[in-house]
N, C-alpha and C. Protein backbone atom coordinates (compact mmCIF):
# COMPACT_ATOMS: atom_id res chain seq x y z
N MET A 1 64.09 108.33 113.73
CA MET A 1 62.80 108.30 114.40
C MET A 1 62.13 109.66 114.29
N THR A 2 60.85 109.63 114.28
CA THR A 2 60.09 110.88 114.19
C THR A 2 59.70 111.35 115.58
N GLU A 3 59.12 112.51 115.61
CA GLU A 3 58.67 113.08 116.87
C GLU A 3 57.55 112.25 117.48
N ILE A 4 56.70 111.72 116.63
CA ILE A 4 55.59 110.88 117.12
C ILE A 4 56.13 109.62 117.78
N ASP A 5 57.18 109.01 117.16
CA ASP A 5 57.79 107.82 117.75
C ASP A 5 58.38 108.13 119.12
N ASN A 6 59.03 109.26 119.22
CA ASN A 6 59.61 109.67 120.51
C ASN A 6 58.52 109.85 121.57
N GLN A 7 57.42 110.47 121.19
CA GLN A 7 56.33 110.67 122.14
C GLN A 7 55.73 109.34 122.58
N LEU A 8 55.56 108.42 121.63
CA LEU A 8 55.01 107.11 121.96
C LEU A 8 55.93 106.35 122.92
N LEU A 9 57.24 106.42 122.66
CA LEU A 9 58.19 105.76 123.55
C LEU A 9 58.17 106.36 124.95
N GLU A 10 58.09 107.67 125.01
CA GLU A 10 58.04 108.33 126.31
C GLU A 10 56.78 107.95 127.07
N GLN A 11 55.65 107.87 126.37
CA GLN A 11 54.40 107.45 127.02
C GLN A 11 54.50 106.01 127.50
N PHE A 12 55.13 105.15 126.71
CA PHE A 12 55.24 103.75 127.06
C PHE A 12 56.10 103.55 128.31
N PHE A 13 57.21 104.30 128.39
CA PHE A 13 58.13 104.12 129.51
C PHE A 13 57.84 105.03 130.70
N GLN A 14 56.84 105.88 130.62
CA GLN A 14 56.51 106.80 131.71
C GLN A 14 56.21 106.08 133.02
N PRO A 15 55.42 105.01 133.02
CA PRO A 15 55.17 104.32 134.30
C PRO A 15 56.45 103.75 134.94
N ALA A 16 57.40 103.33 134.12
CA ALA A 16 58.64 102.76 134.66
C ALA A 16 59.49 103.82 135.35
N ARG A 17 59.33 105.07 134.98
CA ARG A 17 60.11 106.14 135.61
C ARG A 17 59.70 106.36 137.07
N THR A 18 58.44 106.12 137.35
CA THR A 18 57.94 106.40 138.69
C THR A 18 58.16 105.24 139.65
N ILE A 19 58.46 104.06 139.13
CA ILE A 19 58.66 102.90 139.98
C ILE A 19 60.03 102.99 140.65
N GLU A 20 60.05 102.83 141.96
CA GLU A 20 61.31 102.85 142.69
C GLU A 20 61.46 101.52 143.41
N ILE A 21 62.56 100.86 143.16
CA ILE A 21 62.80 99.56 143.77
C ILE A 21 63.55 99.78 145.08
N LYS A 22 63.03 99.23 146.15
CA LYS A 22 63.67 99.36 147.46
C LYS A 22 64.85 98.40 147.55
N ASP A 23 66.02 98.95 147.77
CA ASP A 23 67.21 98.09 147.90
C ASP A 23 68.07 98.49 149.10
N ASN A 24 67.49 99.23 150.02
CA ASN A 24 68.17 99.66 151.24
C ASN A 24 69.47 100.41 150.96
N GLY A 25 69.46 101.24 149.93
CA GLY A 25 70.63 102.05 149.61
C GLY A 25 71.75 101.31 148.91
N PHE A 26 71.50 100.08 148.43
CA PHE A 26 72.55 99.29 147.78
C PHE A 26 73.06 99.97 146.52
N THR A 27 72.15 100.47 145.71
CA THR A 27 72.55 101.11 144.45
C THR A 27 73.45 102.32 144.71
N GLU A 28 73.09 103.13 145.69
CA GLU A 28 73.91 104.31 146.01
C GLU A 28 75.29 103.91 146.50
N ARG A 29 75.37 102.87 147.31
CA ARG A 29 76.68 102.43 147.81
C ARG A 29 77.55 101.90 146.67
N VAL A 30 76.94 101.16 145.74
CA VAL A 30 77.69 100.65 144.58
C VAL A 30 78.19 101.80 143.72
N MET A 31 77.34 102.78 143.48
CA MET A 31 77.73 103.91 142.64
C MET A 31 78.87 104.72 143.27
N LYS A 32 78.87 104.81 144.60
CA LYS A 32 79.95 105.53 145.28
C LYS A 32 81.27 104.77 145.22
N GLN A 33 81.21 103.45 145.13
CA GLN A 33 82.42 102.63 145.07
C GLN A 33 83.05 102.59 143.68
N LEU A 34 82.27 102.91 142.65
CA LEU A 34 82.81 102.86 141.29
C LEU A 34 83.84 103.98 141.10
N PRO A 35 84.93 103.68 140.43
CA PRO A 35 85.94 104.73 140.20
C PRO A 35 85.41 105.77 139.22
N ASP A 36 85.81 107.00 139.46
CA ASP A 36 85.39 108.09 138.58
C ASP A 36 86.32 108.12 137.37
N ARG A 37 85.91 107.45 136.32
CA ARG A 37 86.75 107.27 135.13
C ARG A 37 87.03 108.61 134.43
N THR A 38 86.05 109.49 134.40
CA THR A 38 86.25 110.76 133.69
C THR A 38 87.31 111.62 134.37
N ALA A 39 87.33 111.62 135.70
CA ALA A 39 88.33 112.42 136.41
C ALA A 39 89.73 111.86 136.15
N ARG A 40 89.86 110.54 136.15
CA ARG A 40 91.17 109.92 135.91
C ARG A 40 91.64 110.20 134.47
N LEU A 41 90.73 110.07 133.50
CA LEU A 41 91.10 110.37 132.12
C LEU A 41 91.49 111.83 131.95
N SER A 42 90.78 112.71 132.63
CA SER A 42 91.10 114.13 132.56
C SER A 42 92.49 114.42 133.12
N GLN A 43 92.83 113.76 134.22
CA GLN A 43 94.16 113.96 134.80
C GLN A 43 95.24 113.45 133.87
N TRP A 44 95.06 112.28 133.26
CA TRP A 44 96.06 111.75 132.33
C TRP A 44 96.18 112.63 131.09
N TRP A 45 95.05 113.14 130.59
CA TRP A 45 95.09 114.00 129.41
C TRP A 45 95.84 115.30 129.74
N THR A 46 95.59 115.88 130.89
CA THR A 46 96.31 117.08 131.30
C THR A 46 97.80 116.81 131.42
N PHE A 47 98.17 115.70 132.03
CA PHE A 47 99.57 115.33 132.16
C PHE A 47 100.22 115.19 130.78
N PHE A 48 99.55 114.51 129.85
CA PHE A 48 100.07 114.32 128.50
C PHE A 48 100.28 115.66 127.80
N CYS A 49 99.31 116.56 127.92
CA CYS A 49 99.42 117.87 127.26
C CYS A 49 100.56 118.71 127.84
N VAL A 50 100.72 118.67 129.16
CA VAL A 50 101.80 119.43 129.80
C VAL A 50 103.15 118.89 129.36
N VAL A 51 103.30 117.56 129.37
CA VAL A 51 104.58 116.96 128.96
C VAL A 51 104.85 117.27 127.49
N SER A 52 103.83 117.18 126.64
CA SER A 52 104.01 117.51 125.22
C SER A 52 104.43 118.96 125.04
N GLY A 53 103.81 119.86 125.80
CA GLY A 53 104.17 121.28 125.70
C GLY A 53 105.60 121.54 126.15
N VAL A 54 106.03 120.90 127.23
CA VAL A 54 107.40 121.08 127.71
C VAL A 54 108.40 120.53 126.70
N VAL A 55 108.12 119.36 126.15
CA VAL A 55 109.02 118.77 125.15
C VAL A 55 109.09 119.66 123.91
N ALA A 56 107.96 120.15 123.44
CA ALA A 56 107.96 121.04 122.27
C ALA A 56 108.71 122.33 122.57
N PHE A 57 108.56 122.86 123.78
CA PHE A 57 109.25 124.07 124.16
C PHE A 57 110.76 123.87 124.13
N ILE A 58 111.21 122.72 124.64
CA ILE A 58 112.64 122.43 124.67
C ILE A 58 113.17 122.17 123.27
N VAL A 59 112.46 121.35 122.50
CA VAL A 59 112.93 120.99 121.15
C VAL A 59 112.96 122.20 120.23
N LEU A 60 111.99 123.09 120.35
CA LEU A 60 111.90 124.25 119.45
C LEU A 60 112.62 125.48 120.01
N ASP A 61 113.42 125.31 121.04
CA ASP A 61 114.18 126.42 121.63
C ASP A 61 113.27 127.59 122.02
N GLY A 62 112.29 127.31 122.83
CA GLY A 62 111.33 128.33 123.24
C GLY A 62 111.96 129.47 123.99
N TRP A 63 113.02 129.19 124.78
CA TRP A 63 113.67 130.25 125.53
C TRP A 63 114.24 131.31 124.61
N GLU A 64 114.72 130.90 123.45
CA GLU A 64 115.30 131.86 122.51
C GLU A 64 114.26 132.88 122.06
N PHE A 65 113.05 132.41 121.76
CA PHE A 65 111.99 133.32 121.32
C PHE A 65 111.54 134.23 122.45
N ILE A 66 111.44 133.70 123.64
CA ILE A 66 111.02 134.52 124.78
C ILE A 66 112.06 135.58 125.09
N LEU A 67 113.32 135.18 125.15
CA LEU A 67 114.38 136.15 125.45
C LEU A 67 114.51 137.21 124.35
N SER A 68 114.40 136.80 123.08
CA SER A 68 114.49 137.80 122.01
C SER A 68 113.31 138.77 122.07
N GLY A 69 112.13 138.27 122.44
CA GLY A 69 110.97 139.15 122.58
C GLY A 69 111.14 140.13 123.72
N ILE A 70 111.67 139.65 124.84
CA ILE A 70 111.91 140.54 125.98
C ILE A 70 112.95 141.58 125.63
N MET A 71 114.03 141.17 124.96
CA MET A 71 115.08 142.12 124.57
C MET A 71 114.54 143.16 123.60
N MET A 72 113.70 142.73 122.66
CA MET A 72 113.12 143.68 121.71
C MET A 72 112.21 144.67 122.42
N LEU A 73 111.46 144.19 123.41
CA LEU A 73 110.58 145.05 124.18
C LEU A 73 111.38 146.07 124.98
N LEU A 74 112.51 145.63 125.56
CA LEU A 74 113.34 146.54 126.34
C LEU A 74 114.03 147.59 125.47
N LYS A 75 114.36 147.22 124.24
CA LYS A 75 115.05 148.16 123.35
C LYS A 75 114.10 149.17 122.72
N THR A 76 112.80 148.86 122.74
CA THR A 76 111.81 149.75 122.12
C THR A 76 111.60 150.97 123.00
N ASN A 77 111.47 152.09 122.37
CA ASN A 77 111.19 153.33 123.10
C ASN A 77 109.76 153.26 123.64
N ILE A 78 109.60 153.41 124.92
CA ILE A 78 108.30 153.27 125.57
C ILE A 78 107.31 154.29 125.03
N GLY A 79 107.75 155.45 124.65
CA GLY A 79 106.86 156.49 124.15
C GLY A 79 106.21 156.11 122.83
N GLU A 80 106.81 155.20 122.09
CA GLU A 80 106.27 154.81 120.79
C GLU A 80 105.24 153.68 120.89
N LEU A 81 105.12 153.06 122.05
CA LEU A 81 104.17 151.96 122.20
C LEU A 81 102.74 152.49 122.19
N HIS A 82 101.86 151.78 121.50
CA HIS A 82 100.46 152.17 121.44
C HIS A 82 99.73 151.59 122.65
N PRO A 83 98.85 152.34 123.31
CA PRO A 83 98.21 151.85 124.53
C PRO A 83 97.09 150.83 124.30
N VAL A 84 96.58 150.70 123.06
CA VAL A 84 95.44 149.80 122.81
C VAL A 84 95.77 148.35 123.16
N PRO A 85 96.91 147.78 122.72
CA PRO A 85 97.18 146.39 123.09
C PRO A 85 97.30 146.19 124.60
N PHE A 86 97.83 147.19 125.28
CA PHE A 86 97.94 147.11 126.74
C PHE A 86 96.56 147.00 127.38
N PHE A 87 95.64 147.87 126.96
CA PHE A 87 94.31 147.86 127.55
C PHE A 87 93.52 146.62 127.13
N MET A 88 93.73 146.14 125.91
CA MET A 88 93.06 144.91 125.48
C MET A 88 93.53 143.73 126.33
N THR A 89 94.83 143.65 126.56
CA THR A 89 95.37 142.58 127.39
C THR A 89 94.86 142.69 128.81
N LEU A 90 94.83 143.88 129.34
CA LEU A 90 94.30 144.11 130.69
C LEU A 90 92.83 143.69 130.78
N GLY A 91 92.05 144.00 129.75
CA GLY A 91 90.64 143.62 129.73
C GLY A 91 90.45 142.11 129.68
N VAL A 92 91.23 141.43 128.85
CA VAL A 92 91.12 139.97 128.75
C VAL A 92 91.52 139.32 130.06
N LEU A 93 92.61 139.77 130.66
CA LEU A 93 93.04 139.20 131.94
C LEU A 93 92.02 139.46 133.04
N THR A 94 91.39 140.62 133.02
CA THR A 94 90.36 140.92 134.01
C THR A 94 89.16 140.00 133.82
N CYS A 95 88.75 139.78 132.58
CA CYS A 95 87.63 138.86 132.31
C CYS A 95 87.95 137.46 132.78
N LEU A 96 89.16 136.98 132.51
CA LEU A 96 89.55 135.65 132.94
C LEU A 96 89.56 135.54 134.46
N ALA A 97 90.02 136.58 135.13
CA ALA A 97 90.04 136.57 136.58
C ALA A 97 88.62 136.54 137.15
N VAL A 98 87.70 137.28 136.55
CA VAL A 98 86.32 137.30 137.02
C VAL A 98 85.67 135.92 136.82
N VAL A 99 85.90 135.31 135.66
CA VAL A 99 85.34 133.97 135.41
C VAL A 99 85.88 132.97 136.41
N GLU A 100 87.18 133.00 136.68
CA GLU A 100 87.77 132.09 137.65
C GLU A 100 87.20 132.32 139.05
N LEU A 101 87.03 133.56 139.42
CA LEU A 101 86.46 133.88 140.73
C LEU A 101 85.03 133.37 140.85
N VAL A 102 84.22 133.55 139.82
CA VAL A 102 82.84 133.08 139.84
C VAL A 102 82.80 131.56 139.95
N GLN A 103 83.66 130.86 139.20
CA GLN A 103 83.69 129.40 139.27
C GLN A 103 84.08 128.92 140.66
N ARG A 104 85.05 129.57 141.27
CA ARG A 104 85.46 129.17 142.63
C ARG A 104 84.35 129.42 143.63
N LEU A 105 83.65 130.54 143.49
CA LEU A 105 82.54 130.82 144.40
C LEU A 105 81.42 129.80 144.23
N GLU A 106 81.15 129.38 143.00
CA GLU A 106 80.12 128.37 142.76
C GLU A 106 80.51 127.04 143.39
N ARG A 107 81.80 126.67 143.32
CA ARG A 107 82.25 125.42 143.93
C ARG A 107 82.12 125.46 145.44
N TRP A 108 82.36 126.61 146.05
CA TRP A 108 82.27 126.73 147.50
C TRP A 108 80.83 126.63 147.98
N GLN A 109 79.87 127.10 147.17
CA GLN A 109 78.48 127.09 147.57
C GLN A 109 77.84 125.72 147.44
N VAL A 110 78.44 124.83 146.67
CA VAL A 110 77.86 123.50 146.46
C VAL A 110 78.02 122.63 147.63
C-alpha cells in the first residue's frame, strides 16, 4: 500500500475512532478476566532456559572450568594483573546496577 492509501483509510475510519459504545463497563470486566498469555509464556520460556542452562552446565562439566579458572587466578601473581579488565568489569556492573535501579523506581511510580 502507498502512503495515499494509508491516509485514505485513516480518513475513512476516523469517525469510528470517536464512537464509544456504552456497555456499562462490560468490555473492561471481560478484558480483566482474560488470562495474560504473554506473562505465562514468558514464565515458561524462562523456566525452559534455566533448565537448559543447568543441564548444559552439568553435562559439560561446568564446575571443572570454574574451579580451574579460580585456581589459575589464585596462582597468578597479583602484581602482574593489569587493572584495565578490573575497571572495565566494575564499570559494566555499575551500569547494570543503575539500569536495574531505574527500572525498579519506574515500577514503583506506576
